[in-house]
């Protein structure tokens, strides 16, 4: 297994500046889907991990729970966080991650706690993202994008966190959205459009959503299309941080604030991600409960995005893990049986 992990890391690194050399495949429909792939990171490794489920309830770690791709092979800060995976309209997979190592000083990757002074740029300050594209989940193209080198208006960037990808059908473009701030100001959600090769940002970041009427931050956006509407789930830092939602007719703005809390936790949580149960009119909202020790994922389920039924936490209800614990900031995508079988054989 160790050799397999190194092989995948080297494949990824070798494709850093390349376009997608793999033929795009026909986009499967939901009827073709047979499994769920979860990507997540671990605070211990600051690397990419994966787990697979055939039923949407029990997720089993791939690669014996070890990293699938090492953060120090793909990230400028030698660590990644907040991975998100998306299947695009071309059938390819798009993986976006925060380029950040919060323990880099302890691990010997830098001499200071953060890249730049915390008093000026805040906790966890970083400047960019890791973008990766694959046709088969095995061979990956990679690009490192730093916003301060792309746009002069972002020379004072304080963070670029938790990127996610969606498709803006009206514009016919992949849309990347993420948490950003200037300097040490409050965090807001921004978006930008990316090229088809997923290796550069084509438009300067624009404001996607800001928490209304206060100095509270909004972070960790996740967009889901349902019944002709777009639902934005995000973390509101309004008292105890938790999950709220907003609704719009389009993915790039016009969000209506909805005041209700969606999660069922007493403590703080973050990293919402919504995924559909295959063949059912049910959507699962998964989130990271970082206020408990050991930390864990929590789940609620909905059929209408108005009422949410609690499913509990991993290994405390119907949702189970096998071969891993304490995942951080996860995301789920559907796979065909062939794709799932291939991953299991490779990892």
Protein backbone atom coordinates (compact mmCIF):
# COMPACT_ATOMS: atom_id res chain seq x y z
CA UNK A 1 0.00 0.00 0.00
CA UNK A 2 2.87 2.36 0.73
CA UNK A 3 4.17 2.00 -2.83
CA UNK A 4 0.71 2.70 -4.23
CA UNK A 5 0.48 5.93 -2.23
CA UNK A 6 3.89 7.08 -3.52
CA UNK A 7 2.92 6.18 -7.09
CA UNK A 8 -0.21 8.30 -6.99
CA UNK A 9 1.69 11.22 -5.46
CA UNK A 10 4.33 11.14 -8.19
CA UNK A 11 1.74 10.93 -10.94
CA UNK A 12 0.07 14.01 -9.51
CA UNK A 13 3.33 15.96 -9.19
CA UNK A 14 4.46 15.06 -12.70
CA UNK A 15 1.33 16.58 -14.21
CA UNK A 16 1.66 19.94 -12.45
CA UNK A 17 1.83 22.19 -15.53
CA UNK A 18 0.04 19.94 -17.99
CA UNK A 19 -3.34 20.10 -19.60
CA UNK A 20 -5.73 17.18 -19.27
CA UNK A 21 -4.22 14.42 -21.36
CA UNK A 22 -6.95 11.93 -20.66
CA UNK A 23 -9.98 11.60 -22.87
CA UNK A 24 -13.13 12.87 -21.24
CA UNK A 25 -15.79 10.25 -20.77
CA UNK A 26 -19.52 10.27 -21.29
CA UNK A 27 -21.27 11.76 -18.30
CA UNK A 28 -23.11 9.02 -16.43
CA UNK A 29 -26.61 9.66 -15.13
CA UNK A 30 -27.88 8.99 -11.63
CA UNK A 31 -29.22 5.66 -12.90
CA UNK A 32 -25.63 4.63 -13.62
CA UNK A 33 -24.44 5.39 -10.08
CA UNK A 34 -23.71 2.67 -7.56
CA UNK A 35 -21.39 4.12 -4.91
CA UNK A 36 -20.33 7.20 -2.97
CA UNK A 37 -16.79 8.55 -2.70
CA UNK A 38 -15.91 10.71 0.29
CA UNK A 39 -12.81 12.90 0.25
CA UNK A 40 -11.53 14.44 3.47
CA UNK A 41 -8.33 15.54 5.17
CA UNK A 42 -6.76 14.72 8.51
CA UNK A 43 -5.12 17.18 10.87
CA UNK A 44 -2.44 14.55 11.48
CA UNK A 45 -1.36 14.33 7.83
CA UNK A 46 -2.61 17.49 6.07
CA UNK A 47 -3.12 15.19 3.08
CA UNK A 48 -5.94 13.85 0.90
CA UNK A 49 -7.86 10.82 2.20
CA UNK A 50 -10.68 8.86 0.59
CA UNK A 51 -13.44 6.52 1.76
CA UNK A 52 -15.94 4.53 -0.30
CA UNK A 53 -19.54 3.49 0.37
CA UNK A 54 -21.83 1.23 -1.64
CA UNK A 55 -24.98 2.08 0.32
CA UNK A 56 -24.49 5.71 1.42
CA UNK A 57 -24.40 4.75 5.08
CA UNK A 58 -21.17 2.84 5.74
CA UNK A 59 -17.95 4.44 4.45
CA UNK A 60 -14.77 2.34 4.31
CA UNK A 61 -11.35 3.97 4.16
CA UNK A 62 -9.31 3.45 1.00
CA UNK A 63 -5.54 2.84 1.16
CA UNK A 64 -5.95 1.40 4.68
CA UNK A 65 -6.80 4.86 5.99
CA UNK A 66 -3.47 6.34 4.89
CA UNK A 67 -3.31 9.40 2.62
CA UNK A 68 -4.09 8.83 -1.05
CA UNK A 69 -2.07 11.89 -2.09
CA UNK A 70 0.42 13.53 0.25
CA UNK A 71 -0.11 17.21 0.94
CA UNK A 72 3.61 17.95 0.82
CA UNK A 73 3.74 16.77 -2.82
CA UNK A 74 1.02 19.10 -4.12
CA UNK A 75 0.75 22.17 -1.88
CA UNK A 76 3.03 25.20 -1.67
CA UNK A 77 2.56 25.24 2.11
CA UNK A 78 3.25 21.46 2.16
CA UNK A 79 -0.24 20.65 3.38
CA UNK A 80 -3.84 20.66 2.18
CA UNK A 81 -7.18 21.11 3.90
CA UNK A 82 -10.87 21.20 2.99
CA UNK A 83 -10.96 18.94 -0.10
CA UNK A 84 -14.04 19.12 -2.32
CA UNK A 85 -14.80 16.87 -5.30
CA UNK A 86 -17.23 17.62 -8.14
CA UNK A 87 -18.16 15.76 -11.33
CA UNK A 88 -18.27 18.27 -14.17
CA UNK A 89 -20.43 18.40 -17.27
CA UNK A 90 -17.57 16.79 -19.21
CA UNK A 91 -17.61 13.72 -16.96
CA UNK A 92 -14.29 14.61 -15.34
CA UNK A 93 -13.66 14.99 -11.62
CA UNK A 94 -12.64 18.35 -10.17
CA UNK A 95 -10.84 18.41 -6.83
CA UNK A 96 -10.26 21.73 -5.07
CA UNK A 97 -8.36 22.14 -1.78
CA UNK A 98 -7.05 24.81 0.56
CA UNK A 99 -3.27 25.24 0.29
CA UNK A 100 -2.52 25.55 4.01
CA UNK A 101 -0.60 23.71 6.72
CA UNK A 102 -1.66 24.93 10.14
CA UNK A 103 1.16 23.00 11.89
CA UNK A 104 3.90 23.79 9.37
CA UNK A 105 6.19 25.39 11.96
CA UNK A 106 5.99 22.33 14.22
CA UNK A 107 6.60 20.04 11.23
CA UNK A 108 9.66 22.05 10.14
CA UNK A 109 8.22 23.43 6.91
CA UNK A 110 8.62 27.07 7.99
CA UNK A 111 10.18 29.10 10.78
CA UNK A 112 7.06 31.09 11.71
CA UNK A 113 3.57 30.10 12.86
CA UNK A 114 2.01 31.45 9.66
CA UNK A 115 3.39 32.56 6.30
CA UNK A 116 2.81 36.19 7.30
CA UNK A 117 2.23 37.95 10.64
CA UNK A 118 -0.99 36.89 12.31
CA UNK A 119 -1.71 40.38 13.60
CA UNK A 120 -1.92 41.65 10.01
CA UNK A 121 -3.39 38.66 8.17
CA UNK A 122 -5.19 36.60 10.83
CA UNK A 123 -5.35 32.97 11.86
CA UNK A 124 -4.38 30.42 9.23
CA UNK A 125 -3.45 33.03 6.67
CA UNK A 126 -2.72 31.65 3.23
CA UNK A 127 -2.91 32.93 -0.31
CA UNK A 128 -4.04 30.14 -2.57
CA UNK A 129 -5.65 26.88 -3.58
CA UNK A 130 -4.71 23.52 -5.08
CA UNK A 131 -6.78 22.61 -8.15
CA UNK A 132 -6.75 19.12 -9.64
CA UNK A 133 -8.59 17.42 -12.51
CA UNK A 134 -8.91 13.76 -13.46
CA UNK A 135 -10.86 11.63 -15.89
CA UNK A 136 -10.39 8.43 -13.88
CA UNK A 137 -9.66 9.39 -10.23
CA UNK A 138 -6.18 7.87 -10.62
CA UNK A 139 -4.25 10.23 -12.90
CA UNK A 140 -4.46 13.88 -11.92
CA UNK A 141 -3.51 17.25 -13.37
CA UNK A 142 -2.56 19.83 -10.76
CA UNK A 143 -2.28 23.61 -10.52
CA UNK A 144 -1.36 25.88 -7.61
CA UNK A 145 -3.20 29.20 -7.67
CA UNK A 146 -2.20 32.16 -5.48
CA UNK A 147 -4.60 35.09 -5.69
CA UNK A 148 -2.09 37.75 -4.66
CA UNK A 149 0.02 36.98 -7.73
CA UNK A 150 -3.01 36.99 -10.06
CA UNK A 151 -4.79 40.18 -8.98
CA UNK A 152 -3.31 43.37 -7.53
CA UNK A 153 -6.55 44.05 -5.63
CA UNK A 154 -5.80 40.90 -3.64
CA UNK A 155 -2.18 41.67 -2.77
CA UNK A 156 -3.31 41.86 0.89
CA UNK A 157 -5.27 38.58 0.83
CA UNK A 158 -5.80 37.20 4.32
CA UNK A 159 -7.06 33.74 3.41
CA UNK A 160 -8.37 31.50 0.63
CA UNK A 161 -10.19 28.60 2.27
CA UNK A 162 -12.59 25.76 1.54
CA UNK A 163 -12.93 25.99 -2.26
CA UNK A 164 -15.81 24.21 -3.97
CA UNK A 165 -16.73 23.79 -7.63
CA UNK A 166 -20.09 23.97 -9.36
CA UNK A 167 -21.27 24.50 -12.93
CA UNK A 168 -22.96 27.74 -13.98
CA UNK A 169 -25.15 26.50 -16.84
CA UNK A 170 -26.18 30.00 -17.90
CA UNK A 171 -22.56 31.03 -18.43
CA UNK A 172 -21.41 27.57 -19.52
CA UNK A 173 -18.48 27.77 -17.10
CA UNK A 174 -17.14 26.03 -14.05
CA UNK A 175 -17.54 28.30 -11.03
CA UNK A 176 -15.20 28.09 -8.07
CA UNK A 177 -16.35 29.58 -4.78
CA UNK A 178 -14.45 29.91 -1.51
CA UNK A 179 -13.90 31.84 1.71
CA UNK A 180 -11.70 34.96 1.41
CA UNK A 181 -10.82 38.14 3.25
CA UNK A 182 -8.64 41.19 2.87
CA UNK A 183 -5.97 41.28 5.57
CA UNK A 184 -7.53 40.50 8.94
CA UNK A 185 -11.07 41.61 8.08
CA UNK A 186 -14.12 39.36 8.50
CA UNK A 187 -14.45 36.37 6.20
CA UNK A 188 -16.88 36.41 3.28
CA UNK A 189 -17.76 34.08 0.42
CA UNK A 190 -16.43 34.88 -3.06
CA UNK A 191 -16.60 33.24 -6.47
CA UNK A 192 -14.60 33.20 -9.70
CA UNK A 193 -14.77 31.32 -13.00
CA UNK A 194 -12.08 28.83 -13.99
CA UNK A 195 -10.93 27.50 -17.33
CA UNK A 196 -11.87 24.07 -18.68
CA UNK A 197 -8.47 22.61 -17.80
CA UNK A 198 -9.01 23.72 -14.20
CA UNK A 199 -5.54 25.18 -13.94
CA UNK A 200 -6.16 28.93 -13.76
CA UNK A 201 -8.68 31.48 -12.53
CA UNK A 202 -10.20 33.41 -15.45
CA UNK A 203 -12.08 36.15 -13.57
CA UNK A 204 -11.25 38.27 -10.56
CA UNK A 205 -13.06 37.09 -7.40
CA UNK A 206 -16.45 38.67 -6.80
CA UNK A 207 -18.53 38.73 -3.63
CA UNK A 208 -20.88 35.74 -3.47
CA UNK A 209 -22.41 36.14 -0.01
CA UNK A 210 -21.81 38.10 3.16
CA UNK A 211 -23.59 37.59 6.45
CA UNK A 212 -26.25 40.30 6.81
CA UNK A 213 -26.38 43.15 9.24
CA UNK A 214 -23.41 42.43 11.47
CA UNK A 215 -19.68 41.93 11.63
CA UNK A 216 -20.10 38.14 11.65
CA UNK A 217 -18.15 35.99 9.22
CA UNK A 218 -19.66 33.58 6.68
CA UNK A 219 -17.39 30.71 5.61
CA UNK A 220 -17.43 27.24 4.02
CA UNK A 221 -20.08 27.66 1.32
CA UNK A 222 -21.73 24.66 -0.36
CA UNK A 223 -24.21 25.09 -3.25
CA UNK A 224 -26.91 22.56 -4.21
CA UNK A 225 -29.49 22.87 -7.00
CA UNK A 226 -32.96 21.63 -6.06
CA UNK A 227 -36.29 22.16 -7.86
CA UNK A 228 -34.98 25.05 -9.94
CA UNK A 229 -33.50 26.87 -6.94
CA UNK A 230 -29.98 27.05 -5.54
CA UNK A 231 -29.39 26.44 -1.85
CA UNK A 232 -26.26 27.81 -0.23
CA UNK A 233 -25.30 26.14 3.03
CA UNK A 234 -22.57 27.88 4.96
CA UNK A 235 -21.12 28.45 8.42
CA UNK A 236 -22.46 31.50 10.24
CA UNK A 237 -20.12 32.82 12.96
CA UNK A 238 -23.06 34.32 14.81
CA UNK A 239 -22.62 33.21 18.41
CA UNK A 240 -21.75 29.52 18.35
CA UNK A 241 -20.69 28.76 14.75
CA UNK A 242 -23.15 26.52 12.91
CA UNK A 243 -24.87 25.82 9.62
CA UNK A 244 -27.43 28.10 7.97
CA UNK A 245 -28.79 28.26 4.43
CA UNK A 246 -29.69 30.87 1.83
CA UNK A 247 -31.66 30.46 -1.42
CA UNK A 248 -31.40 32.02 -4.87
CA UNK A 249 -32.49 31.59 -8.49
CA UNK A 250 -28.84 31.59 -9.62
CA UNK A 251 -25.55 30.26 -8.25
CA UNK A 252 -23.54 33.49 -8.41
CA UNK A 253 -25.55 35.76 -6.10
CA UNK A 254 -28.99 37.11 -5.19
CA UNK A 255 -29.13 35.02 -2.02
CA UNK A 256 -32.09 35.32 0.34
CA UNK A 257 -31.00 34.98 3.96
CA UNK A 258 -32.86 32.33 5.98
CA UNK A 259 -32.43 32.68 9.75
CA UNK A 260 -32.92 29.07 10.93
CA UNK A 261 -30.01 26.95 12.07
CA UNK A 262 -29.79 23.65 10.14
CA UNK A 263 -27.40 21.59 12.26
CA UNK A 264 -28.52 20.02 15.54
CA UNK A 265 -25.31 20.51 17.54
CA UNK A 266 -24.90 22.32 20.85
CA UNK A 267 -21.28 23.13 19.99
CA UNK A 268 -19.56 24.62 16.97
CA UNK A 269 -19.53 22.92 13.57
CA UNK A 270 -18.39 23.79 10.05
CA UNK A 271 -17.83 22.42 6.52
CA UNK A 272 -21.37 21.67 5.27
CA UNK A 273 -21.62 19.39 2.25
CA UNK A 274 -24.88 18.21 0.67
CA UNK A 275 -25.13 14.99 -1.32
CA UNK A 276 -28.09 13.05 -2.74
CA UNK A 277 -28.98 9.48 -1.93
CA UNK A 278 -28.85 7.55 -5.21
CA UNK A 279 -32.33 6.71 -6.50
CA UNK A 280 -34.11 8.51 -3.65
CA UNK A 281 -35.57 11.96 -3.15
CA UNK A 282 -33.38 12.47 -0.11
CA UNK A 283 -30.40 14.74 0.41
CA UNK A 284 -27.88 14.40 3.22
CA UNK A 285 -26.25 17.45 4.78
CA UNK A 286 -22.93 16.40 6.31
CA UNK A 287 -20.90 18.70 8.56
CA UNK A 288 -17.73 18.68 10.68
CA UNK A 289 -18.23 19.00 14.46
CA UNK A 290 -14.88 20.46 15.49
CA UNK A 291 -16.04 21.41 18.99
CA UNK A 292 -16.02 17.83 20.31
CA UNK A 293 -13.08 15.59 21.13
CA UNK A 294 -12.52 13.45 19.20
CA UNK A 295 -14.07 15.47 16.40
CA UNK A 296 -16.63 13.79 14.18
CA UNK A 297 -19.08 14.33 11.32
CA UNK A 298 -22.77 14.99 11.91
CA UNK A 299 -25.66 14.41 9.50
CA UNK A 300 -29.19 15.63 8.80
CA UNK A 301 -31.43 14.54 5.94
CA UNK A 302 -34.06 16.40 3.91
CA UNK A 303 -36.46 15.92 1.01
CA UNK A 304 -37.55 19.54 0.65
CA UNK A 305 -34.73 21.73 2.07
CA UNK A 306 -37.22 23.02 4.62
CA UNK A 307 -37.33 20.26 7.22
CA UNK A 308 -34.20 18.37 8.27
CA UNK A 309 -34.19 15.05 10.11
CA UNK A 310 -31.17 14.36 12.36
CA UNK A 311 -29.20 11.20 11.58
CA UNK A 312 -26.71 11.61 14.41
CA UNK A 313 -22.96 11.33 14.06
CA UNK A 314 -20.64 8.77 12.54
CA UNK A 315 -20.86 5.52 14.54
CA UNK A 316 -23.60 6.91 16.79
CA UNK A 317 -26.50 6.25 14.40
CA UNK A 318 -27.06 4.82 10.91
CA UNK A 319 -23.93 6.48 9.46
CA UNK A 320 -20.80 4.34 9.97
CA UNK A 321 -17.06 4.41 9.32
CA UNK A 322 -14.74 1.46 8.74
CA UNK A 323 -10.97 1.89 8.98
CA UNK A 324 -10.86 5.58 9.87
CA UNK A 325 -11.96 8.08 12.51
CA UNK A 326 -12.00 11.83 13.12
CA UNK A 327 -12.18 12.92 9.45
CA UNK A 328 -12.00 16.64 8.70
CA UNK A 329 -14.00 18.74 6.21
CA UNK A 330 -15.40 16.09 3.88
CA UNK A 331 -17.27 16.04 0.57
CA UNK A 332 -19.10 13.26 -1.29
CA UNK A 333 -19.59 12.49 -4.98
CA UNK A 334 -21.43 9.63 -6.74
CA UNK A 335 -19.46 6.92 -8.58
CA UNK A 336 -20.39 4.18 -11.03
CA UNK A 337 -19.68 0.60 -10.01
CA UNK A 338 -16.77 0.52 -12.48
CA UNK A 339 -15.22 3.66 -10.97
CA UNK A 340 -15.63 2.33 -7.44
CA UNK A 341 -14.17 -1.07 -8.35
CA UNK A 342 -11.15 0.58 -10.00
CA UNK A 343 -10.43 2.72 -6.97
CA UNK A 344 -10.64 -0.26 -4.64
CA UNK A 345 -8.19 -2.21 -6.81
CA UNK A 346 -5.74 0.71 -7.06
CA UNK A 347 -5.92 1.60 -3.39
